[in-house]
């Protein structure tokens, strides 16, 4: 259990014609201490009957990725980051 992530995001995959599927974040999941299951907190319910996906989430990795995305967007739009 030591290498099990502490936090997951739950996504509903929404198929789109001629595009990649859209991953809508609909909640979170945390593993039980005994490693035999998860507690889910869903903010919405999937209505399309398609797949649900749980992906490990690390806040620090997310902040670095988001910072890089914002830098790219600002650079593309011609403004410098603060």
PDB file of N, CA and C in Angstrom:
ATOM      1  N   UNK A   1       0.824  -1.196   0.000  1.00  0.00           N
ATOM      2  CA  UNK A   1       0.000   0.000   0.000  1.00  0.00           C
ATOM      3  C   UNK A   1       0.862   1.251   0.000  1.00  0.00           C
ATOM      4  N   UNK A   2       2.158   1.113   0.293  1.00  0.00           N
ATOM      5  CA  UNK A   2       3.034   2.279   0.389  1.00  0.00           C
ATOM      6  C   UNK A   2       3.125   3.043  -0.922  1.00  0.00           C
ATOM      7  N   UNK A   3       3.041   2.336  -2.046  1.00  0.00           N
ATOM      8  CA  UNK A   3       3.155   3.028  -3.324  1.00  0.00           C
ATOM      9  C   UNK A   3       1.796   3.374  -3.937  1.00  0.00           C
ATOM     10  N   UNK A   4       0.709   3.193  -3.209  1.00  0.00           N
ATOM     11  CA  UNK A   4      -0.616   3.572  -3.691  1.00  0.00           C
ATOM     12  C   UNK A   4      -0.797   5.075  -3.516  1.00  0.00           C
ATOM     13  N   UNK A   5      -1.199   5.792  -4.583  1.00  0.00           N
ATOM     14  CA  UNK A   5      -1.434   7.232  -4.434  1.00  0.00           C
ATOM     15  C   UNK A   5      -2.483   7.505  -3.356  1.00  0.00           C
ATOM     16  N   UNK A   6      -2.376   8.668  -2.718  1.00  0.00           N
ATOM     17  CA  UNK A   6      -3.288   9.020  -1.637  1.00  0.00           C
ATOM     18  C   UNK A   6      -4.569   9.655  -2.145  1.00  0.00           C
ATOM     19  N   UNK A   7      -4.598  10.044  -3.410  1.00  0.00           N
ATOM     20  CA  UNK A   7      -5.718  10.816  -3.914  1.00  0.00           C
ATOM     21  C   UNK A   7      -5.889  10.538  -5.402  1.00  0.00           C
ATOM     22  N   UNK A   8      -7.109  10.403  -5.832  1.00  0.00           N
ATOM     23  CA  UNK A   8      -7.414  10.183  -7.245  1.00  0.00           C
ATOM     24  C   UNK A   8      -8.478  11.179  -7.678  1.00  0.00           C
ATOM     25  N   UNK A   9      -8.480  11.509  -8.944  1.00  0.00           N
ATOM     26  CA  UNK A   9      -9.588  12.244  -9.529  1.00  0.00           C
ATOM     27  C   UNK A   9     -10.409  11.257 -10.345  1.00  0.00           C
ATOM     28  N   UNK A  10     -11.728  11.445 -10.319  1.00  0.00           N
ATOM     29  CA  UNK A  10     -12.636  10.575 -11.064  1.00  0.00           C
ATOM     30  C   UNK A  10     -13.158  11.363 -12.263  1.00  0.00           C
ATOM     31  N   UNK A  11     -13.025  10.763 -13.441  1.00  0.00           N
ATOM     32  CA  UNK A  11     -13.441  11.408 -14.682  1.00  0.00           C
ATOM     33  C   UNK A  11     -14.517  10.584 -15.380  1.00  0.00           C
ATOM     34  N   UNK A  12     -15.436  11.280 -16.015  1.00  0.00           N
ATOM     35  CA  UNK A  12     -16.395  10.658 -16.912  1.00  0.00           C
ATOM     36  C   UNK A  12     -15.924  10.962 -18.325  1.00  0.00           C
ATOM     37  N   UNK A  13     -15.718   9.920 -19.130  1.00  0.00           N
ATOM     38  CA  UNK A  13     -15.260  10.127 -20.498  1.00  0.00           C
ATOM     39  C   UNK A  13     -16.457  10.357 -21.407  1.00  0.00           C
ATOM     40  N   UNK A  14     -16.452  11.503 -22.062  1.00  0.00           N
ATOM     41  CA  UNK A  14     -17.557  11.893 -22.933  1.00  0.00           C
ATOM     42  C   UNK A  14     -17.072  11.815 -24.375  1.00  0.00           C
ATOM     43  N   UNK A  15     -17.624  10.879 -25.162  1.00  0.00           N
ATOM     44  CA  UNK A  15     -17.179  10.754 -26.550  1.00  0.00           C
ATOM     45  C   UNK A  15     -17.614  11.951 -27.391  1.00  0.00           C
ATOM     46  N   UNK A  16     -16.714  12.369 -28.298  1.00  0.00           N
ATOM     47  CA  UNK A  16     -17.019  13.481 -29.213  1.00  0.00           C
ATOM     48  C   UNK A  16     -16.658  13.054 -30.623  1.00  0.00           C
ATOM     49  N   UNK A  17     -17.516  13.373 -31.559  1.00  0.00           N
ATOM     50  CA  UNK A  17     -17.282  12.998 -32.951  1.00  0.00           C
ATOM     51  C   UNK A  17     -16.058  13.725 -33.499  1.00  0.00           C
ATOM     52  N   UNK A  18     -15.175  12.976 -34.137  1.00  0.00           N
ATOM     53  CA  UNK A  18     -13.993  13.512 -34.810  1.00  0.00           C
ATOM     54  C   UNK A  18     -13.045  14.259 -33.882  1.00  0.00           C
ATOM     55  N   UNK A  19     -13.119  13.975 -32.579  1.00  0.00           N
ATOM     56  CA  UNK A  19     -12.235  14.585 -31.598  1.00  0.00           C
ATOM     57  C   UNK A  19     -11.901  13.552 -30.534  1.00  0.00           C
ATOM     58  N   UNK A  20     -10.884  13.866 -29.732  1.00  0.00           N
ATOM     59  CA  UNK A  20     -10.595  13.016 -28.580  1.00  0.00           C
ATOM     60  C   UNK A  20     -11.752  13.104 -27.597  1.00  0.00           C
ATOM     61  N   UNK A  21     -11.900  12.059 -26.785  1.00  0.00           N
ATOM     62  CA  UNK A  21     -12.920  12.093 -25.739  1.00  0.00           C
ATOM     63  C   UNK A  21     -12.641  13.240 -24.780  1.00  0.00           C
ATOM     64  N   UNK A  22     -13.702  13.819 -24.224  1.00  0.00           N
ATOM     65  CA  UNK A  22     -13.567  14.866 -23.215  1.00  0.00           C
ATOM     66  C   UNK A  22     -13.585  14.211 -21.846  1.00  0.00           C
ATOM     67  N   UNK A  23     -12.601  14.540 -21.020  1.00  0.00           N
ATOM     68  CA  UNK A  23     -12.516  13.993 -19.668  1.00  0.00           C
ATOM     69  C   UNK A  23     -13.096  15.009 -18.712  1.00  0.00           C
ATOM     70  N   UNK A  24     -14.298  14.782 -18.237  1.00  0.00           N
ATOM     71  CA  UNK A  24     -14.960  15.684 -17.291  1.00  0.00           C
ATOM     72  C   UNK A  24     -14.679  15.190 -15.875  1.00  0.00           C
ATOM     73  N   UNK A  25     -14.009  16.016 -15.073  1.00  0.00           N
ATOM     74  CA  UNK A  25     -13.723  15.645 -13.686  1.00  0.00           C
ATOM     75  C   UNK A  25     -15.029  15.743 -12.899  1.00  0.00           C
ATOM     76  N   UNK A  26     -15.465  14.613 -12.335  1.00  0.00           N
ATOM     77  CA  UNK A  26     -16.744  14.607 -11.630  1.00  0.00           C
ATOM     78  C   UNK A  26     -16.605  14.299 -10.146  1.00  0.00           C
ATOM     79  N   UNK A  27     -15.365  14.085  -9.678  1.00  0.00           N
ATOM     80  CA  UNK A  27     -15.208  13.812  -8.257  1.00  0.00           C
ATOM     81  C   UNK A  27     -13.820  13.335  -7.890  1.00  0.00           C
ATOM     82  N   UNK A  28     -13.727  12.795  -6.671  1.00  0.00           N
ATOM     83  CA  UNK A  28     -12.460  12.315  -6.153  1.00  0.00           C
ATOM     84  C   UNK A  28     -12.635  10.936  -5.522  1.00  0.00           C
ATOM     85  N   UNK A  29     -11.505  10.256  -5.346  1.00  0.00           N
ATOM     86  CA  UNK A  29     -11.504   8.952  -4.695  1.00  0.00           C
ATOM     87  C   UNK A  29     -10.273   8.860  -3.798  1.00  0.00           C
ATOM     88  N   UNK A  30     -10.451   8.282  -2.628  1.00  0.00           N
ATOM     89  CA  UNK A  30      -9.334   8.031  -1.722  1.00  0.00           C
ATOM     90  C   UNK A  30      -9.356   6.556  -1.341  1.00  0.00           C
ATOM     91  N   UNK A  31      -8.186   5.915  -1.350  1.00  0.00           N
ATOM     92  CA  UNK A  31      -8.153   4.488  -1.016  1.00  0.00           C
ATOM     93  C   UNK A  31      -8.380   4.255   0.468  1.00  0.00           C
ATOM     94  N   UNK A  32      -9.008   3.131   0.786  1.00  0.00           N
ATOM     95  CA  UNK A  32      -9.181   2.727   2.178  1.00  0.00           C
ATOM     96  C   UNK A  32      -7.826   2.336   2.755  1.00  0.00           C
ATOM     97  N   UNK A  33      -7.684   2.484   4.035  1.00  0.00           N
ATOM     98  CA  UNK A  33      -6.410   2.160   4.703  1.00  0.00           C
ATOM     99  C   UNK A  33      -6.008   0.705   4.519  1.00  0.00           C
ATOM    100  N   UNK A  34      -6.998  -0.179   4.431  1.00  0.00           N
ATOM    101  CA  UNK A  34      -6.668  -1.602   4.266  1.00  0.00           C
ATOM    102  C   UNK A  34      -6.355  -1.960   2.813  1.00  0.00           C
ATOM    103  N   UNK A  35      -6.499  -0.982   1.904  1.00  0.00           N
ATOM    104  CA  UNK A  35      -6.172  -1.213   0.503  1.00  0.00           C
ATOM    105  C   UNK A  35      -7.191  -2.020  -0.267  1.00  0.00           C
ATOM    106  N   UNK A  36      -8.371  -2.267   0.322  1.00  0.00           N
ATOM    107  CA  UNK A  36      -9.367  -3.130  -0.318  1.00  0.00           C
ATOM    108  C   UNK A  36     -10.487  -2.378  -1.023  1.00  0.00           C
ATOM    109  N   UNK A  37     -10.420  -1.064  -1.057  1.00  0.00           N
ATOM    110  CA  UNK A  37     -11.480  -0.316  -1.727  1.00  0.00           C
ATOM    111  C   UNK A  37     -11.190   1.174  -1.727  1.00  0.00           C
ATOM    112  N   UNK A  38     -12.190   1.939  -2.160  1.00  0.00           N
ATOM    113  CA  UNK A  38     -12.071   3.387  -2.267  1.00  0.00           C
ATOM    114  C   UNK A  38     -13.322   4.055  -1.715  1.00  0.00           C
ATOM    115  N   UNK A  39     -13.144   5.253  -1.211  1.00  0.00           N
ATOM    116  CA  UNK A  39     -14.275   6.116  -0.883  1.00  0.00           C
ATOM    117  C   UNK A  39     -14.394   7.137  -2.003  1.00  0.00           C
ATOM    118  N   UNK A  40     -15.580   7.218  -2.586  1.00  0.00           N
ATOM    119  CA  UNK A  40     -15.811   8.145  -3.701  1.00  0.00           C
ATOM    120  C   UNK A  40     -16.630   9.337  -3.243  1.00  0.00           C
ATOM    121  N   UNK A  41     -16.258  10.503  -3.722  1.00  0.00           N
ATOM    122  CA  UNK A  41     -17.050  11.713  -3.545  1.00  0.00           C
ATOM    123  C   UNK A  41     -17.321  12.245  -4.945  1.00  0.00           C
ATOM    124  N   UNK A  42     -18.562  12.106  -5.397  1.00  0.00           N
ATOM    125  CA  UNK A  42     -18.923  12.545  -6.743  1.00  0.00           C
ATOM    126  C   UNK A  42     -19.703  13.850  -6.664  1.00  0.00           C
ATOM    127  N   UNK A  43     -19.271  14.826  -7.457  1.00  0.00           N
ATOM    128  CA  UNK A  43     -19.954  16.113  -7.525  1.00  0.00           C
ATOM    129  C   UNK A  43     -21.057  16.113  -8.570  1.00  0.00           C
ATOM    130  N   UNK A  44     -20.995  15.164  -9.467  1.00  0.00           N
ATOM    131  CA  UNK A  44     -22.042  14.987 -10.466  1.00  0.00           C
ATOM    132  C   UNK A  44     -22.048  13.520 -10.871  1.00  0.00           C
ATOM    133  N   UNK A  45     -23.090  13.120 -11.561  1.00  0.00           N
ATOM    134  CA  UNK A  45     -23.217  11.733 -11.990  1.00  0.00           C
ATOM    135  C   UNK A  45     -23.040  11.642 -13.497  1.00  0.00           C
ATOM    136  N   UNK A  46     -22.357  10.599 -13.964  1.00  0.00           N
ATOM    137  CA  UNK A  46     -22.214  10.435 -15.406  1.00  0.00           C
ATOM    138  C   UNK A  46     -23.559  10.055 -16.016  1.00  0.00           C
ATOM    139  N   UNK A  47     -23.961  10.763 -17.041  1.00  0.00           N
ATOM    140  CA  UNK A  47     -25.264  10.516 -17.650  1.00  0.00           C
ATOM    141  C   UNK A  47     -25.168   9.788 -18.991  1.00  0.00           C
ATOM    142  N   UNK A  48     -23.949   9.627 -19.493  1.00  0.00           N
ATOM    143  CA  UNK A  48     -23.809   9.054 -20.828  1.00  0.00           C
ATOM    144  C   UNK A  48     -23.637   7.535 -20.827  1.00  0.00           C
ATOM    145  N   UNK A  49     -23.532   6.915 -19.666  1.00  0.00           N
ATOM    146  CA  UNK A  49     -23.380   5.466 -19.610  1.00  0.00           C
ATOM    147  C   UNK A  49     -22.016   4.984 -20.067  1.00  0.00           C
ATOM    148  N   UNK A  50     -21.079   5.892 -20.251  1.00  0.00           N
ATOM    149  CA  UNK A  50     -19.746   5.530 -20.708  1.00  0.00           C
ATOM    150  C   UNK A  50     -18.840   5.231 -19.523  1.00  0.00           C
ATOM    151  N   UNK A  51     -17.554   5.146 -19.791  1.00  0.00           N
ATOM    152  CA  UNK A  51     -16.567   4.772 -18.786  1.00  0.00           C
ATOM    153  C   UNK A  51     -16.324   5.856 -17.744  1.00  0.00           C
ATOM    154  N   UNK A  52     -16.004   5.390 -16.546  1.00  0.00           N
ATOM    155  CA  UNK A  52     -15.439   6.248 -15.512  1.00  0.00           C
ATOM    156  C   UNK A  52     -13.976   5.856 -15.376  1.00  0.00           C
ATOM    157  N   UNK A  53     -13.126   6.853 -15.161  1.00  0.00           N
ATOM    158  CA  UNK A  53     -11.694   6.614 -15.025  1.00  0.00           C
ATOM    159  C   UNK A  53     -11.208   7.286 -13.758  1.00  0.00           C
ATOM    160  N   UNK A  54     -10.376   6.575 -12.989  1.00  0.00           N
ATOM    161  CA  UNK A  54      -9.715   7.177 -11.825  1.00  0.00           C
ATOM    162  C   UNK A  54      -8.249   7.351 -12.175  1.00  0.00           C
ATOM    163  N   UNK A  55      -7.742   8.572 -11.983  1.00  0.00           N
ATOM    164  CA  UNK A  55      -6.337   8.851 -12.244  1.00  0.00           C
ATOM    165  C   UNK A  55      -5.692   9.398 -10.984  1.00  0.00           C
ATOM    166  N   UNK A  56      -4.500   8.897 -10.666  1.00  0.00           N
ATOM    167  CA  UNK A  56      -3.769   9.386  -9.502  1.00  0.00           C
ATOM    168  C   UNK A  56      -3.540  10.885  -9.657  1.00  0.00           C
ATOM    169  N   UNK A  57      -3.652  11.598  -8.557  1.00  0.00           N
ATOM    170  CA  UNK A  57      -3.518  13.052  -8.576  1.00  0.00           C
ATOM    171  C   UNK A  57      -2.522  13.467  -7.511  1.00  0.00           C
ATOM    172  N   UNK A  58      -1.519  14.233  -7.923  1.00  0.00           N
ATOM    173  CA  UNK A  58      -0.541  14.797  -7.004  1.00  0.00           C
ATOM    174  C   UNK A  58      -0.612  16.308  -7.139  1.00  0.00           C
ATOM    175  N   UNK A  59      -0.955  16.981  -6.069  1.00  0.00           N
ATOM    176  CA  UNK A  59      -1.157  18.432  -6.104  1.00  0.00           C
ATOM    177  C   UNK A  59       0.070  19.168  -6.623  1.00  0.00           C
ATOM    178  N   UNK A  60       1.260  18.770  -6.207  1.00  0.00           N
ATOM    179  CA  UNK A  60       2.479  19.455  -6.647  1.00  0.00           C
ATOM    180  C   UNK A  60       2.706  19.284  -8.141  1.00  0.00           C
ATOM    181  N   UNK A  61       2.510  18.061  -8.657  1.00  0.00           N
ATOM    182  CA  UNK A  61       2.640  17.841 -10.095  1.00  0.00           C
ATOM    183  C   UNK A  61       1.624  18.670 -10.860  1.00  0.00           C
ATOM    184  N   UNK A  62       0.398  18.728 -10.345  1.00  0.00           N
ATOM    185  CA  UNK A  62      -0.658  19.493 -11.002  1.00  0.00           C
ATOM    186  C   UNK A  62      -0.299  20.980 -11.055  1.00  0.00           C
ATOM    187  N   UNK A  63       0.222  21.527  -9.964  1.00  0.00           N
ATOM    188  CA  UNK A  63       0.582  22.945  -9.937  1.00  0.00           C
ATOM    189  C   UNK A  63       1.693  23.249 -10.934  1.00  0.00           C
ATOM    190  N   UNK A  64       2.677  22.358 -11.073  1.00  0.00           N
ATOM    191  CA  UNK A  64       3.757  22.565 -12.037  1.00  0.00           C
ATOM    192  C   UNK A  64       3.212  22.502 -13.461  1.00  0.00           C
ATOM    193  N   UNK A  65       2.353  21.527 -13.749  1.00  0.00           N
ATOM    194  CA  UNK A  65       1.756  21.409 -15.078  1.00  0.00           C
ATOM    195  C   UNK A  65       0.913  22.634 -15.399  1.00  0.00           C
ATOM    196  N   UNK A  66       0.109  23.081 -14.438  1.00  0.00           N
ATOM    197  CA  UNK A  66      -0.758  24.234 -14.649  1.00  0.00           C
ATOM    198  C   UNK A  66       0.068  25.491 -14.882  1.00  0.00           C
ATOM    199  N   UNK A  67       1.147  25.661 -14.140  1.00  0.00           N
ATOM    200  CA  UNK A  67       2.024  26.814 -14.308  1.00  0.00           C
ATOM    201  C   UNK A  67       2.622  26.824 -15.719  1.00  0.00           C
ATOM    202  N   UNK A  68       3.060  25.665 -16.189  1.00  0.00           N
ATOM    203  CA  UNK A  68       3.622  25.567 -17.538  1.00  0.00           C
ATOM    204  C   UNK A  68       2.568  25.883 -18.589  1.00  0.00           C
ATOM    205  N   UNK A  69       1.328  25.407 -18.392  1.00  0.00           N
ATOM    206  CA  UNK A  69       0.246  25.691 -19.335  1.00  0.00           C
ATOM    207  C   UNK A  69      -0.052  27.185 -19.391  1.00  0.00           C
ATOM    208  N   UNK A  70      -0.086  27.830 -18.233  1.00  0.00           N
ATOM    209  CA  UNK A  70      -0.370  29.261 -18.197  1.00  0.00           C
ATOM    210  C   UNK A  70       0.742  30.037 -18.877  1.00  0.00           C
ATOM    211  N   UNK A  71       1.999  29.636 -18.667  1.00  0.00           N
ATOM    212  CA  UNK A  71       3.126  30.307 -19.309  1.00  0.00           C
ATOM    213  C   UNK A  71       2.995  30.190 -20.827  1.00  0.00           C
ATOM    214  N   UNK A  72       2.675  28.992 -21.313  1.00  0.00           N
ATOM    215  CA  UNK A  72       2.513  28.785 -22.753  1.00  0.00           C
ATOM    216  C   UNK A  72       1.384  29.645 -23.295  1.00  0.00           C
ATOM    217  N   UNK A  73       0.263  29.715 -22.586  1.00  0.00           N
ATOM    218  CA  UNK A  73      -0.879  30.514 -23.042  1.00  0.00           C
ATOM    219  C   UNK A  73      -0.512  31.994 -23.074  1.00  0.00           C
ATOM    220  N   UNK A  74       0.158  32.481 -22.051  1.00  0.00           N
ATOM    221  CA  UNK A  74       0.539  33.891 -22.016  1.00  0.00           C
ATOM    222  C   UNK A  74       1.545  34.207 -23.106  1.00  0.00           C
ATOM    223  N   UNK A  75       2.487  33.286 -23.330  1.00  0.00           N
ATOM    224  CA  UNK A  75       3.497  33.484 -24.361  1.00  0.00           C
ATOM    225  C   UNK A  75       2.835  33.533 -25.742  1.00  0.00           C
ATOM    226  N   UNK A  76       1.871  32.663 -25.959  1.00  0.00           N
ATOM    227  CA  UNK A  76       1.152  32.617 -27.235  1.00  0.00           C
ATOM    228  C   UNK A  76       0.342  33.886 -27.460  1.00  0.00           C
ATOM    229  N   UNK A  77      -0.204  34.434 -26.356  1.00  0.00           N
ATOM    230  CA  UNK A  77      -1.027  35.631 -26.473  1.00  0.00           C
ATOM    231  C   UNK A  77      -0.178  36.906 -26.493  1.00  0.00           C
ATOM    232  N   UNK A  78       1.151  36.780 -26.307  1.00  0.00           N
ATOM    233  CA  UNK A  78       2.029  37.936 -26.420  1.00  0.00           C
ATOM    234  C   UNK A  78       2.240  38.711 -25.148  1.00  0.00           C
ATOM    235  N   UNK A  79       1.895  38.172 -23.996  1.00  0.00           N
ATOM    236  CA  UNK A  79       2.139  38.894 -22.742  1.00  0.00           C
ATOM    237  C   UNK A  79       3.119  38.101 -21.887  1.00  0.00           C
ATOM    238  N   UNK A  80       3.857  38.767 -21.082  1.00  0.00           N
ATOM    239  CA  UNK A  80       4.825  38.147 -20.184  1.00  0.00           C
ATOM    240  C   UNK A  80       4.138  37.761 -18.883  1.00  0.00           C
ATOM    241  N   UNK A  81       4.607  36.670 -18.246  1.00  0.00           N
ATOM    242  CA  UNK A  81       4.025  36.304 -16.938  1.00  0.00           C
ATOM    243  C   UNK A  81       4.394  37.328 -15.881  1.00  0.00           C
ATOM    244  N   UNK A  82       3.568  37.402 -14.841  1.00  0.00           N
ATOM    245  CA  UNK A  82       3.826  38.335 -13.746  1.00  0.00           C
ATOM    246  C   UNK A  82       4.991  37.891 -12.905  1.00  0.00           C
TER     247      UNK A  82
END
